[in-house]
Amino acid sequence: MQIITTTDALAAICAEAAHEPYVTLDTEFLRERTYYSKLCLVQMALPGKGSERAWLIDPLAEGISLDPLLELMRNPDVVKVFHAARQDLEIFFIDGGVIPQPLFDTQIASMVCGFGEQAGYETLVRKIAKASLDKTSRFTDWAQRPLSEAQQRYALADVTHLRVIYEYLKAEIEKNGRAHWVAEELEILTTPETYITQPDEAWQRIKTRGNGGRFMAAVKELARFREDYAQSRNIPRSRVYKDDALLELASTKPDSVEALGRSRLLLREARRGDIAEGILAAIRAAQVMKAEDIPQVIDESDQLQVNPALADLLRVLLKARAESSGVAQKLIANTSELDAIAAGKRDLPSLKGWRGELFGEDALRLCQGKLALAAKGKNVITVELDRD
């Protein structure tokens, strides 16, 4: 097993990779004590077999620069293959300012190739690569050096089996004509905004117990301060205060350090100093927030006039389309979307793009009375209706 610890060695393997059609990649990181992930290891493999042409890149090695790797990530001629890429891409974007492209995510590809919703890497290794994984090193401390042989074997397996999985899924997608399906699903992963959390929007993460005006104003301001504070000091949000404490503060609206001291859920460290001052300032800002700036939480499900019979027919159509295509039902549309379609809503993901081709177009025609469902043996078929 080759561990890359110098910039020159990294530049050499990246130069070799630049002549290949694809590279497989994975990362190991820590995030328990920080806001942003701490990159501890990068695994990379080129087309080949076993541990041949596979390396572990040590970003913690003294003096190493990841610039050659970042340049490879920008290379438009080499496909970058990951499994469940979101966290890996976030690290490359935050640390290096680059989103690897062109991109192939085997988890997304497996969903449209009949492997179910969010198929795990271990499942794909077993079903496609016909191998098994040793998971004993999954939760080890990747910042510790030296890495044990078990850690190295585990890390390399994340990119060596990925080659077989990628080549299989790529062939399946091309055979089934579903490349544009995968491209649509990858759009959110290749959008920089996906990896940027704006403090003013942090309140959207909070599951609230109420939606009163000044309560929601306080939720927004407390979430904004917490996000700002955590980002600037690179500490987890929970180290500032947890969600349950945030909701308590939004409800009680303390106006002094003494009042903060009576909180049941606030951490001791947050009852004084910078955090306490930030909390009190957030509460004051919430009291004078303009009405148009206060978040409005609307449960649309309570307002939908759902046609239950039509919703049931849409469920039958969805099941039929999922079975015929080998795509998981939840990936095409969820229950709330079916109810929304049956209530007349049309601006929905399940009615657009590849989902529209597979299900949405017929769903709309079913709603319009232009299509009927019928049983044929064990299958459900669609029947065109003459509306003239």
Protein backbone atom coordinates (compact mmCIF):
# COMPACT_ATOMS: atom_id res chain seq x y z
CA MET A 1 0.00 0.00 0.00
CA GLN A 2 1.42 3.33 -1.08
CA ILE A 3 0.94 6.37 1.15
CA ILE A 4 1.62 9.69 -0.55
CA THR A 5 3.23 12.17 1.86
CA THR A 6 4.99 14.68 -0.44
CA THR A 7 3.81 17.18 -3.01
CA ASP A 8 6.16 15.77 -5.66
CA ALA A 9 4.81 12.24 -5.21
CA LEU A 10 1.25 13.58 -5.37
CA ALA A 11 2.03 15.54 -8.52
CA ALA A 12 3.39 12.38 -10.16
CA ILE A 13 0.29 10.27 -9.56
CA CYS A 14 -2.00 13.14 -10.56
CA ALA A 15 -0.06 13.53 -13.82
CA GLU A 16 -0.61 9.81 -14.44
CA ALA A 17 -4.32 10.18 -13.59
CA ALA A 18 -4.71 13.03 -16.09
CA HIS A 19 -4.34 10.49 -18.93
CA GLU A 20 -7.06 8.16 -17.62
CA PRO A 21 -10.81 8.27 -18.40
CA TYR A 22 -11.70 8.23 -14.69
CA VAL A 23 -10.40 8.13 -11.14
CA THR A 24 -12.20 6.79 -8.08
CA LEU A 25 -12.02 8.84 -4.90
CA ASP A 26 -13.03 8.86 -1.26
CA THR A 27 -12.12 10.83 1.86
CA GLU A 28 -11.85 10.19 5.56
CA PHE A 29 -12.47 13.11 7.88
CA LEU A 30 -13.40 14.19 11.39
CA ARG A 31 -16.19 16.60 12.30
CA GLU A 32 -17.08 15.90 15.91
CA ARG A 33 -15.22 18.91 17.30
CA THR A 34 -15.39 21.36 14.39
CA TYR A 35 -17.96 23.13 12.22
CA TYR A 36 -16.09 22.29 9.03
CA SER A 37 -14.81 18.79 8.31
CA LYS A 38 -11.12 18.16 8.99
CA LEU A 39 -9.70 16.25 6.02
CA CYS A 40 -7.56 13.36 7.27
CA LEU A 41 -7.10 11.11 4.24
CA VAL A 42 -7.82 10.99 0.51
CA GLN A 43 -8.05 7.67 -1.32
CA MET A 44 -7.58 7.53 -5.08
CA ALA A 45 -7.43 4.71 -7.62
CA LEU A 46 -6.97 4.57 -11.38
CA PRO A 47 -8.38 1.85 -13.66
CA GLY A 48 -6.83 -1.46 -12.70
CA LYS A 49 -7.30 -4.41 -10.36
CA GLY A 50 -6.86 -4.91 -6.63
CA SER A 51 -4.53 -2.43 -4.95
CA GLU A 52 -2.76 -1.83 -8.27
CA ARG A 53 -2.63 1.90 -9.07
CA ALA A 54 -4.33 2.83 -5.82
CA TRP A 55 -2.96 5.26 -3.26
CA LEU A 56 -3.63 6.83 0.11
CA ILE A 57 -2.89 10.56 0.14
CA ASP A 58 -2.01 11.99 3.55
CA PRO A 59 -3.12 15.64 3.76
CA LEU A 60 -1.72 15.82 7.31
CA ALA A 61 1.83 15.06 6.20
CA GLU A 62 4.22 17.91 6.95
CA GLY A 63 4.78 20.24 3.99
CA ILE A 64 2.42 18.52 1.56
CA SER A 65 0.30 20.66 -0.77
CA LEU A 66 -2.90 19.28 -2.29
CA ASP A 67 -2.69 21.63 -5.27
CA PRO A 68 -1.89 18.82 -7.77
CA LEU A 69 -4.98 16.96 -6.59
CA LEU A 70 -7.15 20.07 -6.84
CA GLU A 71 -5.90 20.61 -10.38
CA LEU A 72 -6.93 17.05 -11.22
CA MET A 73 -10.36 17.78 -9.76
CA ARG A 74 -10.70 20.60 -12.33
CA ASN A 75 -9.58 18.44 -15.26
CA PRO A 76 -12.60 18.22 -17.63
CA ASP A 77 -11.26 15.09 -19.33
CA VAL A 78 -11.21 12.83 -16.25
CA VAL A 79 -14.42 11.64 -14.59
CA LYS A 80 -14.27 11.83 -10.82
CA VAL A 81 -16.11 8.85 -9.30
CA PHE A 82 -17.41 8.92 -5.71
CA HIS A 83 -20.02 7.03 -3.71
CA ALA A 84 -22.47 9.26 -1.79
CA ALA A 85 -20.35 12.24 -2.77
CA ARG A 86 -21.93 15.15 -0.90
CA GLN A 87 -19.62 15.27 2.14
CA ASP A 88 -16.54 14.59 0.02
CA LEU A 89 -17.45 17.41 -2.36
CA GLU A 90 -18.12 19.77 0.53
CA ILE A 91 -14.56 19.21 1.77
CA PHE A 92 -13.04 19.90 -1.65
CA PHE A 93 -15.18 23.01 -2.02
CA ILE A 94 -14.56 24.45 1.45
CA ASP A 95 -10.85 23.56 1.64
CA GLY A 96 -9.86 23.96 -1.99
CA GLY A 97 -12.55 26.08 -3.63
CA VAL A 98 -13.26 23.42 -6.26
CA ILE A 99 -16.13 21.06 -7.00
CA PRO A 100 -14.80 17.97 -8.79
CA GLN A 101 -16.18 17.75 -12.33
CA PRO A 102 -17.15 15.87 -14.39
CA LEU A 103 -18.72 13.87 -11.58
CA PHE A 104 -20.21 10.39 -11.21
CA ASP A 105 -21.88 9.37 -7.97
CA THR A 106 -22.42 5.60 -7.77
CA GLN A 107 -25.12 5.96 -5.11
CA ILE A 108 -27.21 8.14 -7.40
CA ALA A 109 -26.47 5.93 -10.40
CA SER A 110 -27.45 2.80 -8.48
CA MET A 111 -30.85 4.32 -7.63
CA VAL A 112 -31.79 4.60 -11.30
CA CYS A 113 -30.39 1.14 -12.04
CA GLY A 114 -32.74 -0.75 -9.73
CA PHE A 115 -30.70 -0.98 -6.54
CA GLY A 116 -33.27 0.81 -4.40
CA GLU A 117 -33.22 4.09 -2.51
CA GLN A 118 -29.80 5.23 -1.27
CA ALA A 119 -28.01 1.93 -1.76
CA GLY A 120 -25.01 1.66 0.57
CA TYR A 121 -21.49 1.08 -0.68
CA GLU A 122 -21.31 -2.28 1.07
CA THR A 123 -24.44 -3.41 -0.78
CA LEU A 124 -22.97 -2.46 -4.16
CA VAL A 125 -19.65 -4.12 -3.34
CA ARG A 126 -21.50 -7.33 -2.52
CA LYS A 127 -23.93 -7.29 -5.45
CA ILE A 128 -21.71 -5.87 -8.20
CA ALA A 129 -18.08 -6.48 -7.21
CA LYS A 130 -18.96 -9.83 -5.57
CA ALA A 131 -16.76 -9.00 -2.60
CA SER A 132 -17.12 -8.18 1.09
CA LEU A 133 -15.85 -5.32 3.24
CA ASP A 134 -14.06 -5.40 6.58
CA LYS A 135 -15.92 -2.69 8.52
CA THR A 136 -13.87 -2.85 11.73
CA SER A 137 -12.01 0.39 10.95
CA ARG A 138 -15.09 2.42 9.99
CA PHE A 139 -15.23 4.52 13.15
CA THR A 140 -11.52 4.87 13.92
CA ASP A 141 -9.70 8.17 14.49
CA TRP A 142 -8.37 9.04 11.05
CA ALA A 143 -6.27 11.90 12.40
CA GLN A 144 -3.98 9.55 14.31
CA ARG A 145 -0.66 8.63 12.77
CA PRO A 146 0.68 6.16 11.78
CA LEU A 147 -2.33 4.53 10.17
CA SER A 148 -2.67 0.84 11.03
CA GLU A 149 -2.61 -1.78 8.28
CA ALA A 150 -6.30 -2.45 8.97
CA GLN A 151 -7.11 1.23 8.46
CA GLN A 152 -5.13 1.30 5.23
CA ARG A 153 -6.87 -1.81 3.87
CA TYR A 154 -10.28 -0.42 4.79
CA ALA A 155 -9.54 2.95 3.19
CA LEU A 156 -8.22 1.46 -0.05
CA ALA A 157 -11.24 -0.83 -0.38
CA ASP A 158 -13.38 2.30 -0.65
CA VAL A 159 -11.83 3.10 -4.04
CA THR A 160 -10.62 -0.22 -5.45
CA HIS A 161 -14.06 -1.90 -5.52
CA LEU A 162 -15.50 1.41 -6.72
CA ARG A 163 -13.82 0.89 -10.09
CA VAL A 164 -15.83 -2.28 -10.76
CA ILE A 165 -19.03 -0.64 -9.51
CA TYR A 166 -18.52 2.43 -11.70
CA GLU A 167 -17.82 0.48 -14.87
CA TYR A 168 -20.89 -1.72 -14.31
CA LEU A 169 -23.26 1.16 -13.54
CA LYS A 170 -21.93 3.29 -16.38
CA ALA A 171 -22.62 0.46 -18.83
CA GLU A 172 -26.11 -0.10 -17.42
CA ILE A 173 -27.00 3.58 -17.65
CA GLU A 174 -25.81 3.81 -21.24
CA LYS A 175 -27.71 0.63 -22.14
CA ASN A 176 -30.92 1.94 -20.55
CA GLY A 177 -30.57 5.47 -21.93
CA ARG A 178 -30.68 7.00 -18.45
CA ALA A 179 -27.57 9.17 -18.53
CA HIS A 180 -29.69 12.33 -18.45
CA TRP A 181 -31.50 11.00 -15.36
CA VAL A 182 -28.19 10.80 -13.51
CA ALA A 183 -27.12 14.22 -14.83
CA GLU A 184 -30.29 15.79 -13.39
CA GLU A 185 -29.68 14.23 -9.98
CA LEU A 186 -26.07 15.45 -9.98
CA GLU A 187 -27.01 19.10 -10.54
CA ILE A 188 -27.52 19.84 -6.85
CA LEU A 189 -24.15 18.26 -5.98
CA THR A 190 -22.28 20.44 -8.48
CA THR A 191 -23.93 23.67 -7.34
CA PRO A 192 -21.72 25.71 -4.93
CA GLU A 193 -24.76 26.96 -2.98
CA THR A 194 -25.31 23.38 -1.81
CA TYR A 195 -22.26 23.69 0.45
CA ILE A 196 -22.78 27.22 1.75
CA THR A 197 -24.92 27.73 4.84
CA GLN A 198 -26.07 31.33 5.09
CA PRO A 199 -26.63 32.42 8.72
CA ASP A 200 -29.82 34.28 7.73
CA GLU A 201 -31.28 31.02 6.44
CA ALA A 202 -30.16 28.82 9.35
CA TRP A 203 -33.61 29.00 10.99
CA GLN A 204 -34.93 26.70 8.27
CA ARG A 205 -33.04 23.82 9.90
CA ILE A 206 -34.99 24.19 13.14
CA LYS A 207 -38.05 22.04 13.77
CA THR A 208 -40.27 24.43 15.69
CA ARG A 209 -43.06 23.73 18.14
CA GLY A 210 -44.99 26.86 17.17
CA ASN A 211 -45.17 29.53 14.53
CA GLY A 212 -46.13 32.73 16.35
CA GLY A 213 -44.68 35.92 14.89
CA ARG A 214 -42.26 37.06 17.60
CA PHE A 215 -41.40 33.47 18.47
CA MET A 216 -40.32 32.83 14.86
CA ALA A 217 -38.45 36.14 14.80
CA ALA A 218 -36.48 34.98 17.83
CA VAL A 219 -35.84 31.57 16.23
CA LYS A 220 -34.47 33.30 13.13
CA GLU A 221 -32.17 35.66 15.07
CA LEU A 222 -30.93 33.00 17.51
CA ALA A 223 -30.20 30.59 14.64
CA ARG A 224 -28.42 33.34 12.69
CA PHE A 225 -26.19 34.24 15.66
CA ARG A 226 -25.40 30.58 16.39
CA GLU A 227 -24.46 29.87 12.77
CA ASP A 228 -22.28 32.99 12.55
CA TYR A 229 -20.55 32.19 15.85
CA ALA A 230 -19.96 28.52 14.99
CA GLN A 231 -18.61 29.30 11.52
CA SER A 232 -16.25 32.04 12.69
CA ARG A 233 -14.76 29.83 15.42
CA ASN A 234 -15.03 26.51 13.52
CA ILE A 235 -16.93 24.77 16.30
CA PRO A 236 -20.09 22.60 16.08
CA ARG A 237 -23.43 24.37 16.43
CA SER A 238 -24.21 22.23 19.46
CA ARG A 239 -21.20 23.71 21.26
CA VAL A 240 -22.90 27.11 21.10
CA TYR A 241 -26.35 25.85 22.07
CA LYS A 242 -28.52 22.97 20.96
CA ASP A 243 -31.82 23.23 19.13
CA ASP A 244 -33.91 22.54 22.23
CA ALA A 245 -32.15 25.36 24.07
CA LEU A 246 -32.69 27.67 21.07
CA LEU A 247 -36.42 26.96 21.13
CA GLU A 248 -36.55 27.53 24.88
CA LEU A 249 -34.82 30.91 24.48
CA ALA A 250 -37.17 31.88 21.62
CA SER A 251 -40.11 31.09 23.87
CA THR A 252 -38.91 32.68 27.14
CA LYS A 253 -37.07 35.63 25.52
CA PRO A 254 -34.63 36.35 28.38
CA ASP A 255 -33.64 40.02 28.67
CA SER A 256 -30.64 39.79 31.02
CA VAL A 257 -27.74 37.57 32.01
CA GLU A 258 -29.65 36.74 35.19
CA ALA A 259 -32.61 35.55 33.13
CA LEU A 260 -30.28 33.41 30.99
CA GLY A 261 -29.13 31.75 34.20
CA ARG A 262 -32.65 30.41 34.72
CA SER A 263 -32.62 28.49 31.45
CA ARG A 264 -33.01 24.76 31.93
CA LEU A 265 -31.35 23.74 28.66
CA LEU A 266 -28.63 26.31 28.00
CA LEU A 267 -25.04 25.12 28.43
CA ARG A 268 -23.15 26.74 31.30
CA GLU A 269 -20.60 28.24 28.90
CA ALA A 270 -23.39 29.99 27.01
CA ARG A 271 -24.70 31.85 30.07
CA ARG A 272 -21.84 34.32 30.09
CA GLY A 273 -19.34 36.02 27.79
CA ASP A 274 -19.67 36.36 24.02
CA ILE A 275 -22.41 33.76 23.62
CA ALA A 276 -24.61 35.30 26.32
CA GLU A 277 -24.17 38.74 24.77
CA GLY A 278 -25.03 37.32 21.35
CA ILE A 279 -28.18 35.64 22.66
CA LEU A 280 -29.43 38.81 24.33
CA ALA A 281 -28.67 40.86 21.20
CA ALA A 282 -30.56 38.31 19.08
CA ILE A 283 -33.60 38.52 21.37
CA ARG A 284 -33.55 42.33 21.17
CA ALA A 285 -33.26 42.22 17.37
CA ALA A 286 -36.23 39.84 17.20
CA GLN A 287 -38.41 42.27 19.16
CA VAL A 288 -37.99 45.00 16.55
CA MET A 289 -37.90 42.80 13.43
CA LYS A 290 -40.14 44.10 10.66
CA ALA A 291 -43.24 42.01 10.06
CA GLU A 292 -42.23 41.26 6.47
CA ASP A 293 -38.90 39.78 7.67
CA ILE A 294 -40.45 37.34 10.15
CA PRO A 295 -40.41 33.74 8.84
CA GLN A 296 -43.78 32.29 7.99
CA VAL A 297 -44.17 28.57 8.63
CA ILE A 298 -47.11 27.24 6.65
CA ASP A 299 -48.16 23.61 6.72
CA GLU A 300 -49.51 23.24 3.19
CA SER A 301 -50.75 19.73 3.91
CA ASP A 302 -53.48 21.18 6.11
CA GLN A 303 -54.65 23.42 3.26
CA LEU A 304 -54.69 20.89 0.42
CA GLN A 305 -58.05 19.75 -0.87
CA VAL A 306 -57.00 16.21 -1.75
CA ASN A 307 -59.17 13.98 -3.90
CA PRO A 308 -58.60 10.68 -2.02
CA ALA A 309 -59.74 8.44 -4.88
CA LEU A 310 -57.38 10.19 -7.30
CA ALA A 311 -54.53 9.96 -4.78
CA ASP A 312 -55.11 6.18 -4.58
CA LEU A 313 -54.98 5.88 -8.37
CA LEU A 314 -51.72 7.85 -8.45
CA ARG A 315 -50.24 5.44 -5.92
CA VAL A 316 -51.16 2.50 -8.15
CA LEU A 317 -49.61 4.24 -11.17
CA LEU A 318 -46.45 5.03 -9.21
CA LYS A 319 -46.09 1.43 -8.05
CA ALA A 320 -46.54 0.18 -11.61
CA ARG A 321 -43.97 2.62 -13.01
CA ALA A 322 -41.46 1.81 -10.25
CA GLU A 323 -41.76 -1.93 -10.84
CA SER A 324 -41.46 -1.66 -14.62
CA SER A 325 -38.43 0.64 -14.46
CA GLY A 326 -36.66 -0.90 -11.46
CA VAL A 327 -36.48 2.51 -9.77
CA ALA A 328 -37.43 2.91 -6.10
CA GLN A 329 -40.87 4.51 -5.63
CA LYS A 330 -39.57 7.08 -3.13
CA LEU A 331 -36.99 8.28 -5.63
CA ILE A 332 -39.74 9.07 -8.14
CA ALA A 333 -42.33 10.61 -5.79
CA ASN A 334 -43.25 10.53 -2.11
CA THR A 335 -46.69 10.28 -0.53
CA SER A 336 -47.00 14.01 0.11
CA GLU A 337 -46.28 14.76 -3.56
CA LEU A 338 -48.97 12.33 -4.67
CA ASP A 339 -51.46 14.06 -2.39
CA ALA A 340 -50.34 17.43 -3.75
CA ILE A 341 -50.86 16.27 -7.35
CA ALA A 342 -54.31 14.98 -6.41
CA ALA A 343 -55.05 18.41 -4.90
CA GLY A 344 -54.10 20.22 -8.09
CA LYS A 345 -50.51 21.33 -7.40
CA ARG A 346 -48.21 21.14 -10.39
CA ASP A 347 -44.84 22.69 -9.46
CA LEU A 348 -43.40 19.44 -8.10
CA PRO A 349 -40.17 17.50 -8.76
CA SER A 350 -42.09 14.33 -9.64
CA LEU A 351 -43.68 16.13 -12.61
CA LYS A 352 -40.41 17.38 -14.08
CA GLY A 353 -37.33 16.02 -15.82
CA TRP A 354 -36.79 12.27 -15.91
CA ARG A 355 -39.42 11.78 -13.22
CA GLY A 356 -41.89 13.50 -15.52
CA GLU A 357 -40.94 11.14 -18.35
CA LEU A 358 -41.29 8.07 -16.18
CA PHE A 359 -44.33 9.01 -14.10
CA GLY A 360 -45.36 12.66 -14.12
CA GLU A 361 -46.71 12.98 -17.65
CA ASP A 362 -49.01 9.99 -17.21
CA ALA A 363 -49.94 11.19 -13.71
CA LEU A 364 -51.20 14.46 -15.17
CA ARG A 365 -53.11 12.67 -17.92
CA LEU A 366 -54.68 10.45 -15.27
CA CYS A 367 -55.77 13.57 -13.39
CA GLN A 368 -57.22 15.01 -16.60
CA GLY A 369 -59.27 11.89 -17.34
CA LYS A 370 -57.22 11.09 -20.43
CA LEU A 371 -55.75 7.89 -19.00
CA ALA A 372 -57.18 4.91 -17.12
CA LEU A 373 -55.60 2.03 -15.23
CA ALA A 374 -56.44 -1.59 -15.81
CA ALA A 375 -55.26 -4.95 -14.53
CA LYS A 376 -53.67 -7.36 -16.99
CA GLY A 377 -52.68 -10.54 -15.23
CA LYS A 378 -50.39 -9.54 -12.39
CA ASN A 379 -49.56 -6.19 -13.97
CA VAL A 380 -51.20 -2.78 -14.05
CA ILE A 381 -51.39 -1.18 -17.50
CA THR A 382 -52.49 2.23 -18.72
CA VAL A 383 -55.36 2.65 -21.15
CA GLU A 384 -55.82 5.68 -23.39
CA LEU A 385 -59.26 7.22 -23.14
CA ASP A 386 -61.03 8.88 -26.05
CA ARG A 387 -62.21 12.27 -24.75
CA ASP A 388 -63.82 13.47 -27.99
